[in-house]
C-alpha atoms as a PDB file:
ATOM      1  CA  MET A   1     -15.927 -39.561 -35.836  1.00  0.00           C
ATOM      2  CA  ALA A   2     -12.858 -37.666 -37.030  1.00  0.00           C
ATOM      3  CA  CYS A   3     -15.027 -34.720 -38.093  1.00  0.00           C
ATOM      4  CA  GLU A   4     -16.737 -34.693 -34.710  1.00  0.00           C
ATOM      5  CA  THR A   5     -13.365 -34.703 -32.914  1.00  0.00           C
ATOM      6  CA  ALA A   6     -12.055 -31.885 -35.115  1.00  0.00           C
ATOM      7  CA  ARG A   7     -15.196 -29.831 -34.445  1.00  0.00           C
ATOM      8  CA  LEU A   8     -14.864 -30.428 -30.694  1.00  0.00           C
ATOM      9  CA  ASN A   9     -11.207 -29.418 -30.718  1.00  0.00           C
ATOM     10  CA  ARG A  10     -12.038 -26.289 -32.692  1.00  0.00           C
ATOM     11  CA  ASN A  11     -14.774 -25.349 -30.239  1.00  0.00           C
ATOM     12  CA  LEU A  12     -12.427 -25.909 -27.306  1.00  0.00           C
ATOM     13  CA  TYR A  13      -9.797 -23.711 -28.983  1.00  0.00           C
ATOM     14  CA  ILE A  14     -12.342 -20.931 -29.591  1.00  0.00           C
ATOM     15  CA  TRP A  15     -13.555 -21.182 -26.003  1.00  0.00           C
ATOM     16  CA  ALA A  16      -9.973 -20.945 -24.703  1.00  0.00           C
ATOM     17  CA  ILE A  17      -9.294 -17.873 -26.868  1.00  0.00           C
ATOM     18  CA  ILE A  18     -12.464 -16.192 -25.612  1.00  0.00           C
ATOM     19  CA  LYS A  19     -11.477 -16.866 -21.997  1.00  0.00           C
ATOM     20  CA  ILE A  20      -7.993 -15.448 -22.545  1.00  0.00           C
ATOM     21  CA  MET A  21      -9.418 -12.352 -24.244  1.00  0.00           C
ATOM     22  CA  GLN A  22     -11.825 -11.856 -21.346  1.00  0.00           C
ATOM     23  CA  GLN A  23      -8.930 -12.131 -18.917  1.00  0.00           C
ATOM     24  CA  THR A  24      -6.902  -9.600 -20.916  1.00  0.00           C
ATOM     25  CA  THR A  25      -9.821  -7.172 -21.017  1.00  0.00           C
ATOM     26  CA  GLU A  26     -10.264  -7.407 -17.256  1.00  0.00           C
ATOM     27  CA  GLN A  27      -6.535  -6.989 -16.593  1.00  0.00           C
ATOM     28  CA  TYR A  28      -6.267  -4.104 -19.050  1.00  0.00           C
ATOM     29  CA  SER A  29      -9.215  -2.292 -17.458  1.00  0.00           C
ATOM     30  CA  ARG A  30      -7.730  -2.739 -13.977  1.00  0.00           C
ATOM     31  CA  ILE A  31      -4.343  -1.353 -15.039  1.00  0.00           C
ATOM     32  CA  ILE A  32      -5.950   1.635 -16.770  1.00  0.00           C
ATOM     33  CA  SER A  33      -8.028   2.265 -13.649  1.00  0.00           C
ATOM     34  CA  GLU A  34      -4.848   2.417 -11.547  1.00  0.00           C
ATOM     35  CA  CYS A  35      -3.173   4.759 -14.041  1.00  0.00           C
ATOM     36  CA  ARG A  36      -6.297   6.923 -14.187  1.00  0.00           C
ATOM     37  CA  ASP A  37      -6.464   7.182 -10.407  1.00  0.00           C
ATOM     38  CA  LEU A  38      -2.891   8.492 -10.238  1.00  0.00           C
ATOM     39  CA  PHE A  39      -3.517  10.870 -13.149  1.00  0.00           C
ATOM     40  CA  SER A  40      -6.649  12.239 -11.441  1.00  0.00           C
ATOM     41  CA  LYS A  41      -4.846  12.797  -8.147  1.00  0.00           C
ATOM     42  CA  LYS A  42      -1.986  14.622  -9.857  1.00  0.00           C
ATOM     43  CA  LEU A  43      -4.522  16.718 -11.756  1.00  0.00           C
ATOM     44  CA  GLN A  44      -5.959  17.803  -8.394  1.00  0.00           C
ATOM     45  CA  ASP A  45      -2.508  18.549  -6.964  1.00  0.00           C
ATOM     46  CA  TYR A  46      -0.891  20.321  -9.914  1.00  0.00           C
ATOM     47  CA  GLY A  47      -3.715  21.183 -12.264  1.00  0.00           C
ATOM     48  CA  ALA A  48      -3.122  20.550 -15.962  1.00  0.00           C
ATOM     49  CA  ALA A  49       0.341  22.166 -15.924  1.00  0.00           C
ATOM     50  CA  TRP A  50       1.359  19.761 -18.706  1.00  0.00           C
ATOM     51  CA  ARG A  51      -0.910  21.716 -21.074  1.00  0.00           C
ATOM     52  CA  VAL A  52       2.016  24.102 -21.690  1.00  0.00           C
ATOM     53  CA  LEU A  53       4.124  21.247 -23.109  1.00  0.00           C
ATOM     54  CA  ARG A  54       4.474  20.810 -26.838  1.00  0.00           C
ATOM     55  CA  PRO A  55       4.005  17.188 -28.018  1.00  0.00           C
ATOM     56  CA  SER A  56       7.745  16.879 -28.683  1.00  0.00           C
ATOM     57  CA  SER A  57       8.428  17.698 -25.023  1.00  0.00           C
ATOM     58  CA  ILE A  58       6.049  14.940 -23.942  1.00  0.00           C
ATOM     59  CA  THR A  59       7.804  12.540 -26.301  1.00  0.00           C
ATOM     60  CA  ASP A  60      11.065  13.412 -24.578  1.00  0.00           C
ATOM     61  CA  GLN A  61       9.467  12.688 -21.192  1.00  0.00           C
ATOM     62  CA  ILE A  62       8.495   9.230 -22.444  1.00  0.00           C
ATOM     63  CA  PHE A  63      12.033   8.828 -23.808  1.00  0.00           C
ATOM     64  CA  ILE A  64      13.454   9.614 -20.345  1.00  0.00           C
ATOM     65  CA  LYS A  65      11.117   7.113 -18.683  1.00  0.00           C
ATOM     66  CA  ILE A  66      11.799   4.249 -21.094  1.00  0.00           C
ATOM     67  CA  SER A  67      15.539   4.946 -21.023  1.00  0.00           C
ATOM     68  CA  ARG A  68      15.511   4.648 -17.232  1.00  0.00           C
ATOM     69  CA  ILE A  69      13.565   1.384 -17.422  1.00  0.00           C
ATOM     70  CA  ARG A  70      16.149  -0.046 -19.832  1.00  0.00           C
ATOM     71  CA  THR A  71      18.915   1.061 -17.478  1.00  0.00           C
ATOM     72  CA  LEU A  72      17.190  -0.609 -14.512  1.00  0.00           C
ATOM     73  CA  GLN A  73      16.823  -3.813 -16.512  1.00  0.00           C
ATOM     74  CA  MET A  74      20.506  -3.873 -17.399  1.00  0.00           C
ATOM     75  CA  THR A  75      22.028  -2.989 -14.023  1.00  0.00           C
ATOM     76  CA  ASP A  76      21.541  -3.917 -10.368  1.00  0.00           C
ATOM     77  CA  VAL A  77      22.350  -0.384  -9.202  1.00  0.00           C
ATOM     78  CA  LYS A  78      19.352   1.876  -8.498  1.00  0.00           C
ATOM     79  CA  MET A  79      19.976   5.358  -7.113  1.00  0.00           C
ATOM     80  CA  ILE A  80      16.331   6.518  -7.055  1.00  0.00           C
ATOM     81  CA  ASP A  81      13.630   4.522  -5.277  1.00  0.00           C
ATOM     82  CA  GLU A  82      11.192   4.293  -8.182  1.00  0.00           C
ATOM     83  CA  SER A  83      10.204   0.942  -9.662  1.00  0.00           C
ATOM     84  CA  GLU A  84       9.887  -0.117 -13.284  1.00  0.00           C
ATOM     85  CA  GLU A  85       6.146  -0.372 -12.701  1.00  0.00           C
ATOM     86  CA  SER A  86       5.854   3.286 -11.716  1.00  0.00           C
ATOM     87  CA  GLU A  87       7.751   4.290 -14.864  1.00  0.00           C
ATOM     88  CA  PHE A  88       5.441   2.208 -17.063  1.00  0.00           C
ATOM     89  CA  ILE A  89       2.438   3.889 -15.411  1.00  0.00           C
ATOM     90  CA  ALA A  90       4.031   7.236 -16.265  1.00  0.00           C
ATOM     91  CA  ILE A  91       4.399   6.135 -19.900  1.00  0.00           C
ATOM     92  CA  VAL A  92       0.697   5.240 -20.033  1.00  0.00           C
ATOM     93  CA  ASN A  93      -0.276   8.644 -18.670  1.00  0.00           C
ATOM     94  CA  TYR A  94       2.211  10.630 -20.753  1.00  0.00           C
ATOM     95  CA  SER A  95       0.962   8.833 -23.874  1.00  0.00           C
ATOM     96  CA  ILE A  96      -2.594   9.908 -23.108  1.00  0.00           C
ATOM     97  CA  ILE A  97      -1.380  13.448 -22.359  1.00  0.00           C
ATOM     98  CA  ALA A  98       0.337  13.467 -25.765  1.00  0.00           C
ATOM     99  CA  LEU A  99      -2.867  12.364 -27.479  1.00  0.00           C
ATOM    100  CA  ILE A 100      -4.771  15.131 -25.698  1.00  0.00           C
ATOM    101  CA  GLN A 101      -2.160  17.683 -26.782  1.00  0.00           C
ATOM    102  CA  LEU A 102      -2.322  16.496 -30.390  1.00  0.00           C
ATOM    103  CA  GLU A 103      -6.068  17.074 -30.379  1.00  0.00           C
ATOM    104  CA  LYS A 104      -6.263  20.311 -28.403  1.00  0.00           C
ATOM    105  CA  GLY A 105      -2.858  21.835 -29.099  1.00  0.00           C
ATOM    106  CA  PHE A 106      -0.665  23.097 -26.278  1.00  0.00           C
ATOM    107  CA  SER A 107      -1.792  26.098 -24.244  1.00  0.00           C
ATOM    108  CA  ASP A 108      -0.316  28.753 -21.969  1.00  0.00           C
ATOM    109  CA  GLN A 109      -3.524  28.713 -19.926  1.00  0.00           C
ATOM    110  CA  LEU A 110      -3.737  26.370 -16.940  1.00  0.00           C
ATOM    111  CA  ASN A 111      -7.391  26.942 -16.059  1.00  0.00           C
ATOM    112  CA  GLU A 112      -8.536  23.720 -17.701  1.00  0.00           C
ATOM    113  CA  ASN A 113     -11.804  22.083 -16.727  1.00  0.00           C
ATOM    114  CA  PRO A 114     -10.816  18.895 -14.824  1.00  0.00           C
ATOM    115  CA  THR A 115     -14.009  17.147 -15.927  1.00  0.00           C
ATOM    116  CA  GLU A 116     -13.195  17.809 -19.579  1.00  0.00           C
ATOM    117  CA  ILE A 117      -9.634  16.576 -19.094  1.00  0.00           C
ATOM    118  CA  MET A 118     -10.806  13.344 -17.462  1.00  0.00           C
ATOM    119  CA  THR A 119     -13.391  12.850 -20.220  1.00  0.00           C
ATOM    120  CA  LEU A 120     -10.593  13.081 -22.786  1.00  0.00           C
ATOM    121  CA  TYR A 121      -8.481  10.695 -20.699  1.00  0.00           C
ATOM    122  CA  ASP A 122     -11.295   8.144 -20.692  1.00  0.00           C
ATOM    123  CA  ARG A 123     -11.905   8.569 -24.409  1.00  0.00           C
ATOM    124  CA  PHE A 124      -8.307   7.951 -25.418  1.00  0.00           C
ATOM    125  CA  ALA A 125      -7.938   5.078 -22.933  1.00  0.00           C
ATOM    126  CA  GLY A 126     -11.053   3.523 -24.465  1.00  0.00           C
ATOM    127  CA  GLU A 127      -9.701   3.970 -27.990  1.00  0.00           C
ATOM    128  CA  ALA A 128      -6.409   2.385 -26.915  1.00  0.00           C
ATOM    129  CA  GLN A 129      -8.228  -0.616 -25.456  1.00  0.00           C
ATOM    130  CA  ALA A 130     -10.333  -1.045 -28.610  1.00  0.00           C
ATOM    131  CA  LEU A 131      -7.137  -0.990 -30.683  1.00  0.00           C
ATOM    132  CA  MET A 132      -5.509  -3.506 -28.346  1.00  0.00           C
ATOM    133  CA  LEU A 133      -8.427  -5.919 -28.723  1.00  0.00           C
ATOM    134  CA  LYS A 134      -8.293  -5.711 -32.524  1.00  0.00           C
ATOM    135  CA  LYS A 135      -4.548  -6.351 -32.624  1.00  0.00           C
ATOM    136  CA  ASN A 136      -4.837  -9.126 -30.042  1.00  0.00           C
ATOM    137  CA  HIS A 137      -7.391 -10.820 -32.263  1.00  0.00           C
ATOM    138  CA  ASP A 138      -5.047 -10.673 -35.253  1.00  0.00           C
ATOM    139  CA  TYR A 139      -1.806 -11.541 -33.437  1.00  0.00           C
ATOM    140  CA  GLY A 140      -3.203 -14.084 -30.966  1.00  0.00           C
ATOM    141  CA  GLU A 141      -1.902 -12.308 -27.859  1.00  0.00           C
ATOM    142  CA  ALA A 142       1.706 -12.918 -28.892  1.00  0.00           C
ATOM    143  CA  TRP A 143       2.831 -10.355 -26.305  1.00  0.00           C
ATOM    144  CA  ARG A 144       2.107 -12.874 -23.553  1.00  0.00           C
ATOM    145  CA  ASP A 145       5.056 -14.955 -24.776  1.00  0.00           C
ATOM    146  CA  MET A 146       7.377 -11.938 -24.872  1.00  0.00           C
ATOM    147  CA  ARG A 147       9.778 -10.843 -22.149  1.00  0.00           C
ATOM    148  CA  ILE A 148       9.171  -7.525 -20.411  1.00  0.00           C
ATOM    149  CA  SER A 149      12.612  -6.461 -21.623  1.00  0.00           C
ATOM    150  CA  SER A 150      11.587  -7.124 -25.231  1.00  0.00           C
ATOM    151  CA  ILE A 151       8.395  -5.086 -24.910  1.00  0.00           C
ATOM    152  CA  THR A 152      10.499  -2.364 -23.290  1.00  0.00           C
ATOM    153  CA  ASP A 153      12.697  -2.321 -26.383  1.00  0.00           C
ATOM    154  CA  LEU A 154       9.613  -2.003 -28.589  1.00  0.00           C
ATOM    155  CA  ILE A 155       8.550   1.088 -26.631  1.00  0.00           C
ATOM    156  CA  TYR A 156      12.079   2.472 -26.964  1.00  0.00           C
ATOM    157  CA  GLN A 157      11.931   1.878 -30.716  1.00  0.00           C
ATOM    158  CA  LYS A 158       8.511   3.559 -30.935  1.00  0.00           C
ATOM    159  CA  VAL A 159       9.654   6.650 -29.054  1.00  0.00           C
ATOM    160  CA  LEU A 160      12.704   6.972 -31.326  1.00  0.00           C
ATOM    161  CA  ARG A 161      10.410   6.729 -34.347  1.00  0.00           C
ATOM    162  CA  THR A 162       8.158   9.376 -32.836  1.00  0.00           C
ATOM    163  CA  LYS A 163      11.112  11.699 -32.276  1.00  0.00           C
ATOM    164  CA  GLN A 164      12.132  11.220 -35.919  1.00  0.00           C
ATOM    165  CA  ILE A 165       8.616  11.998 -37.157  1.00  0.00           C
ATOM    166  CA  GLU A 166       8.616  15.151 -35.029  1.00  0.00           C
ATOM    167  CA  ASP A 167      12.003  16.135 -36.444  1.00  0.00           C
ATOM    168  CA  ASN A 168      10.413  15.714 -39.884  1.00  0.00           C
ATOM    169  CA  ALA A 169       7.714  18.227 -38.885  1.00  0.00           C
ATOM    170  CA  GLY A 170       5.180  15.418 -38.432  1.00  0.00           C
ATOM    171  CA  LYS A 171       5.354  14.305 -42.059  1.00  0.00           C
ATOM    172  CA  THR A 172       5.529  10.623 -43.012  1.00  0.00           C
ATOM    173  CA  ILE A 173       5.653   8.857 -46.378  1.00  0.00           C
ATOM    174  CA  VAL A 174       4.469   5.330 -45.600  1.00  0.00           C
ATOM    175  CA  SER A 175       4.589   5.207 -41.795  1.00  0.00           C
ATOM    176  CA  GLU A 176       1.832   5.680 -39.229  1.00  0.00           C
ATOM    177  CA  GLY A 177       1.487   9.104 -37.668  1.00  0.00           C
ATOM    178  CA  LEU A 178       2.262  10.391 -34.196  1.00  0.00           C
ATOM    179  CA  ASP A 179      -1.033   9.299 -32.656  1.00  0.00           C
ATOM    180  CA  ALA A 180      -0.568   5.664 -33.714  1.00  0.00           C
ATOM    181  CA  ASN A 181       2.834   5.565 -32.045  1.00  0.00           C
ATOM    182  CA  TYR A 182       1.468   7.023 -28.800  1.00  0.00           C
ATOM    183  CA  PHE A 183      -1.334   4.438 -28.787  1.00  0.00           C
ATOM    184  CA  ASP A 184       1.195   1.635 -29.291  1.00  0.00           C
ATOM    185  CA  MET A 185       3.482   2.907 -26.510  1.00  0.00           C
ATOM    186  CA  LEU A 186       0.474   3.131 -24.196  1.00  0.00           C
ATOM    187  CA  ASN A 187      -0.616  -0.429 -24.940  1.00  0.00           C
ATOM    188  CA  TYR A 188       2.891  -1.874 -24.700  1.00  0.00           C
ATOM    189  CA  ALA A 189       3.286  -0.227 -21.282  1.00  0.00           C
ATOM    190  CA  VAL A 190      -0.025  -1.762 -20.146  1.00  0.00           C
ATOM    191  CA  PHE A 191       1.168  -5.185 -21.331  1.00  0.00           C
ATOM    192  CA  CYS A 192       4.288  -4.819 -19.192  1.00  0.00           C
ATOM    193  CA  LEU A 193       2.193  -3.814 -16.177  1.00  0.00           C
ATOM    194  CA  ILE A 194      -0.053  -6.836 -16.703  1.00  0.00           C
ATOM    195  CA  LYS A 195       2.990  -9.101 -16.823  1.00  0.00           C
ATOM    196  CA  PHE A 196       4.351  -7.530 -13.619  1.00  0.00           C
ATOM    197  CA  SER A 197       0.982  -8.131 -11.943  1.00  0.00           C
ATOM    198  CA  GLU A 198       1.167 -11.826 -12.836  1.00  0.00           C
ATOM    199  CA  LYS A 199       4.584 -12.351 -11.267  1.00  0.00           C
ATOM    200  CA  PRO A 200       4.637 -14.230  -7.937  1.00  0.00           C
ATOM    201  CA  ALA A 201       4.988 -11.890  -4.957  1.00  0.00           C
ATOM    202  CA  ASN A 202       8.406 -13.268  -4.036  1.00  0.00           C
ATOM    203  CA  VAL A 203       9.906 -12.751  -7.518  1.00  0.00           C
END
């Protein structure tokens, strides 16, 4: 009887984990879709002007965004009408831009093929989601019990690490490289956006 109860409890636990992972996958895909839509519209408006940026410049853009989010979280005064959510979306898109730049290198030419750019966007977003699912499996979705402010600090830490790696000419001894940090910042930003989406409308 005890063995049967233990087996039932284990099956219920596995079922609950599967349901949570399915929910996370759906939420993650929805957030990425929203970020992609904005990225695509800006690509139509401005072209791929960001192609002239060196990766270090993109890192600094992410640094500016996460610094502003931290400021918003620590003060009630807001001089610019842009929400934390919009800044997290920007971090997602800048992280993917950085990954594209790492692969293609920066360019002085702006006549990029939009279809190719969006294909790269989808590829890196897919790789980020695959990484998220692997880490979620190992860590048991611990991020769901974290505060948005704490995840914000993790992004801030990651961008500082990235800046240091860049200052070291991209060389590391035991640490992950630039791409791993961009993937982590992307996924942390998505986690924050998921948590915002779960807040009651009146909060």
